[in-house]
C-alpha atoms as a PDB file:
ATOM      1  CA  UNK A   1       4.316 162.848 119.547  1.00  0.00           C
ATOM      2  CA  UNK A   2       5.272 160.658 116.727  1.00  0.00           C
ATOM      3  CA  UNK A   3       9.062 160.759 116.107  1.00  0.00           C
ATOM      4  CA  UNK A   4       9.984 162.640 119.364  1.00  0.00           C
ATOM      5  CA  UNK A   5      13.025 161.295 121.237  1.00  0.00           C
ATOM      6  CA  UNK A   6      12.385 161.459 124.977  1.00  0.00           C
ATOM      7  CA  UNK A   7      15.242 162.122 127.542  1.00  0.00           C
ATOM      8  CA  UNK A   8      15.147 158.562 128.555  1.00  0.00           C
ATOM      9  CA  UNK A   9      15.684 157.344 125.035  1.00  0.00           C
ATOM     10  CA  UNK A  10      18.288 160.102 124.351  1.00  0.00           C
ATOM     11  CA  UNK A  11      20.316 158.741 127.370  1.00  0.00           C
ATOM     12  CA  UNK A  12      20.339 155.307 125.883  1.00  0.00           C
ATOM     13  CA  UNK A  13      21.757 156.769 122.733  1.00  0.00           C
ATOM     14  CA  UNK A  14      24.602 158.368 124.722  1.00  0.00           C
ATOM     15  CA  UNK A  15      23.226 161.954 124.614  1.00  0.00           C
ATOM     16  CA  UNK A  16      24.255 164.069 127.712  1.00  0.00           C
ATOM     17  CA  UNK A  17      22.849 167.647 127.158  1.00  0.00           C
ATOM     18  CA  UNK A  18      19.980 169.627 125.706  1.00  0.00           C
ATOM     19  CA  UNK A  19      20.989 172.030 122.993  1.00  0.00           C
ATOM     20  CA  UNK A  20      19.923 174.191 120.038  1.00  0.00           C
ATOM     21  CA  UNK A  21      21.059 174.439 116.410  1.00  0.00           C
ATOM     22  CA  UNK A  22      19.792 177.805 115.617  1.00  0.00           C
ATOM     23  CA  UNK A  23      16.131 177.380 116.422  1.00  0.00           C
ATOM     24  CA  UNK A  24      16.135 173.565 116.256  1.00  0.00           C
ATOM     25  CA  UNK A  25      15.950 171.774 119.650  1.00  0.00           C
ATOM     26  CA  UNK A  26      18.630 168.964 119.678  1.00  0.00           C
ATOM     27  CA  UNK A  27      20.252 166.356 122.012  1.00  0.00           C
ATOM     28  CA  UNK A  28      24.033 166.598 122.302  1.00  0.00           C
ATOM     29  CA  UNK A  29      26.635 164.111 123.416  1.00  0.00           C
ATOM     30  CA  UNK A  30      30.033 165.495 124.365  1.00  0.00           C
ATOM     31  CA  UNK A  31      32.738 162.809 123.823  1.00  0.00           C
ATOM     32  CA  UNK A  32      36.193 163.030 125.419  1.00  0.00           C
ATOM     33  CA  UNK A  33      38.479 164.920 123.221  1.00  0.00           C
ATOM     34  CA  UNK A  34      37.266 167.167 120.428  1.00  0.00           C
ATOM     35  CA  UNK A  35      34.300 165.111 119.222  1.00  0.00           C
ATOM     36  CA  UNK A  36      30.582 165.309 119.801  1.00  0.00           C
ATOM     37  CA  UNK A  37      27.326 164.189 118.212  1.00  0.00           C
ATOM     38  CA  UNK A  38      23.952 165.483 117.973  1.00  0.00           C
ATOM     39  CA  UNK A  39      20.427 164.773 116.770  1.00  0.00           C
ATOM     40  CA  UNK A  40      17.108 166.570 116.639  1.00  0.00           C
ATOM     41  CA  UNK A  41      14.661 166.029 119.408  1.00  0.00           C
ATOM     42  CA  UNK A  42      11.999 165.424 116.796  1.00  0.00           C
ATOM     43  CA  UNK A  43      13.200 163.150 114.112  1.00  0.00           C
ATOM     44  CA  UNK A  44      11.835 165.050 110.978  1.00  0.00           C
ATOM     45  CA  UNK A  45      13.889 168.098 111.955  1.00  0.00           C
ATOM     46  CA  UNK A  46      17.096 166.140 111.217  1.00  0.00           C
ATOM     47  CA  UNK A  47      16.383 166.992 107.554  1.00  0.00           C
ATOM     48  CA  UNK A  48      16.317 170.704 108.539  1.00  0.00           C
ATOM     49  CA  UNK A  49      19.635 170.316 110.313  1.00  0.00           C
ATOM     50  CA  UNK A  50      21.147 168.886 107.095  1.00  0.00           C
ATOM     51  CA  UNK A  51      19.847 171.787 105.055  1.00  0.00           C
ATOM     52  CA  UNK A  52      20.897 174.450 107.489  1.00  0.00           C
ATOM     53  CA  UNK A  53      24.337 172.966 108.077  1.00  0.00           C
ATOM     54  CA  UNK A  54      24.919 172.759 104.246  1.00  0.00           C
ATOM     55  CA  UNK A  55      24.032 176.441 103.880  1.00  0.00           C
ATOM     56  CA  UNK A  56      26.053 177.385 106.871  1.00  0.00           C
ATOM     57  CA  UNK A  57      29.192 175.665 105.635  1.00  0.00           C
ATOM     58  CA  UNK A  58      28.833 177.376 102.107  1.00  0.00           C
ATOM     59  CA  UNK A  59      28.309 180.694 103.612  1.00  0.00           C
ATOM     60  CA  UNK A  60      31.033 180.493 106.100  1.00  0.00           C
ATOM     61  CA  UNK A  61      33.485 179.412 103.355  1.00  0.00           C
ATOM     62  CA  UNK A  62      32.315 182.399 101.201  1.00  0.00           C
ATOM     63  CA  UNK A  63      32.131 185.091 103.912  1.00  0.00           C
ATOM     64  CA  UNK A  64      35.082 183.908 106.194  1.00  0.00           C
ATOM     65  CA  UNK A  65      37.501 182.025 104.051  1.00  0.00           C
ATOM     66  CA  UNK A  66      40.374 182.399 106.600  1.00  0.00           C
ATOM     67  CA  UNK A  67      38.415 180.769 109.484  1.00  0.00           C
ATOM     68  CA  UNK A  68      38.145 177.171 110.152  1.00  0.00           C
ATOM     69  CA  UNK A  69      34.814 175.501 109.703  1.00  0.00           C
ATOM     70  CA  UNK A  70      32.572 175.460 112.616  1.00  0.00           C
ATOM     71  CA  UNK A  71      28.828 175.132 113.580  1.00  0.00           C
ATOM     72  CA  UNK A  72      26.682 177.277 115.857  1.00  0.00           C
ATOM     73  CA  UNK A  73      25.467 174.846 118.481  1.00  0.00           C
ATOM     74  CA  UNK A  74      24.168 176.073 121.835  1.00  0.00           C
ATOM     75  CA  UNK A  75      24.773 173.552 124.661  1.00  0.00           C
ATOM     76  CA  UNK A  76      22.134 173.742 127.330  1.00  0.00           C
ATOM     77  CA  UNK A  77      21.535 172.034 130.631  1.00  0.00           C
ATOM     78  CA  UNK A  78      22.732 168.451 131.340  1.00  0.00           C
ATOM     79  CA  UNK A  79      20.150 165.623 130.949  1.00  0.00           C
ATOM     80  CA  UNK A  80      19.263 164.155 134.358  1.00  0.00           C
ATOM     81  CA  UNK A  81      19.297 160.402 134.329  1.00  0.00           C
ATOM     82  CA  UNK A  82      19.023 157.719 136.915  1.00  0.00           C
ATOM     83  CA  UNK A  83      22.640 157.949 137.934  1.00  0.00           C
ATOM     84  CA  UNK A  84      22.320 161.672 138.800  1.00  0.00           C
ATOM     85  CA  UNK A  85      19.161 161.184 141.023  1.00  0.00           C
END
Protein backbone atom coordinates (compact mmCIF):
# COMPACT_ATOMS: atom_id res chain seq x y z
CA UNK A 1 0.00 0.00 0.00
CA UNK A 2 1.32 3.44 -0.87
CA UNK A 3 2.68 5.26 2.17
CA UNK A 4 2.49 2.28 4.55
CA UNK A 5 5.40 1.87 6.99
CA UNK A 6 6.26 -1.81 7.37
CA UNK A 7 7.60 -3.39 10.56
CA UNK A 8 11.05 -3.69 9.01
CA UNK A 9 11.14 0.01 8.12
CA UNK A 10 9.65 0.99 11.51
CA UNK A 11 12.53 -0.79 13.25
CA UNK A 12 15.03 1.19 11.16
CA UNK A 13 13.30 4.37 12.41
CA UNK A 14 13.81 3.17 15.99
CA UNK A 15 10.21 2.12 16.67
CA UNK A 16 9.75 -0.66 19.22
CA UNK A 17 5.99 -1.30 19.64
CA UNK A 18 2.66 -1.40 17.86
CA UNK A 19 0.09 1.01 19.24
CA UNK A 20 -3.12 2.96 18.81
CA UNK A 21 -3.99 6.62 19.14
CA UNK A 22 -7.75 6.40 19.51
CA UNK A 23 -8.54 4.40 16.32
CA UNK A 24 -5.35 5.25 14.37
CA UNK A 25 -2.73 2.46 14.20
CA UNK A 26 0.72 3.79 15.09
CA UNK A 27 4.33 2.75 15.69
CA UNK A 28 5.74 3.76 19.08
CA UNK A 29 9.32 4.09 20.29
CA UNK A 30 9.84 4.11 24.04
CA UNK A 31 13.01 5.99 24.92
CA UNK A 32 14.76 5.68 28.23
CA UNK A 33 13.43 8.21 30.69
CA UNK A 34 10.08 9.85 30.08
CA UNK A 35 10.23 10.41 26.32
CA UNK A 36 8.72 8.53 23.41
CA UNK A 37 7.97 9.10 19.76
CA UNK A 38 5.29 7.81 17.43
CA UNK A 39 4.15 7.88 13.83
CA UNK A 40 1.12 6.57 11.97
CA UNK A 41 1.50 3.24 10.21
CA UNK A 42 0.00 4.81 7.11
CA UNK A 43 1.61 8.19 6.42
CA UNK A 44 -1.56 10.15 5.44
CA UNK A 45 -2.99 9.42 8.91
CA UNK A 46 -0.25 11.58 10.45
CA UNK A 47 -2.46 14.55 9.53
CA UNK A 48 -5.34 13.00 11.47
CA UNK A 49 -3.05 12.57 14.48
CA UNK A 50 -2.22 16.28 14.34
CA UNK A 51 -5.90 17.27 14.20
CA UNK A 52 -7.01 14.88 16.94
CA UNK A 53 -4.14 15.79 19.27
CA UNK A 54 -4.93 19.50 18.86
CA UNK A 55 -8.57 18.87 19.72
CA UNK A 56 -7.56 16.63 22.62
CA UNK A 57 -5.24 19.27 24.10
CA UNK A 58 -7.93 21.95 23.81
CA UNK A 59 -10.67 19.79 25.36
CA UNK A 60 -8.43 18.54 28.18
CA UNK A 61 -7.43 22.11 29.07
CA UNK A 62 -11.09 23.14 29.09
CA UNK A 63 -12.61 20.10 30.83
CA UNK A 64 -9.75 19.22 33.19
CA UNK A 65 -7.81 22.45 33.86
CA UNK A 66 -6.06 21.08 36.97
CA UNK A 67 -4.64 17.98 35.25
CA UNK A 68 -1.34 17.86 33.41
CA UNK A 69 -1.51 17.51 29.61
CA UNK A 70 -1.44 13.93 28.34
CA UNK A 71 -2.33 11.85 25.29
CA UNK A 72 -4.40 8.67 25.00
CA UNK A 73 -1.91 6.25 23.44
CA UNK A 74 -2.38 2.51 23.78
CA UNK A 75 0.87 0.56 23.61
CA UNK A 76 0.53 -2.86 22.01
CA UNK A 77 2.85 -5.76 21.42
CA UNK A 78 6.58 -5.37 20.86
CA UNK A 79 7.87 -5.44 17.28
CA UNK A 80 9.82 -8.60 16.56
CA UNK A 81 13.03 -7.82 14.73
CA UNK A 82 16.03 -9.87 13.66
CA UNK A 83 17.62 -9.57 17.13
CA UNK A 84 14.55 -11.12 18.82
CA UNK A 85 14.38 -14.14 16.51
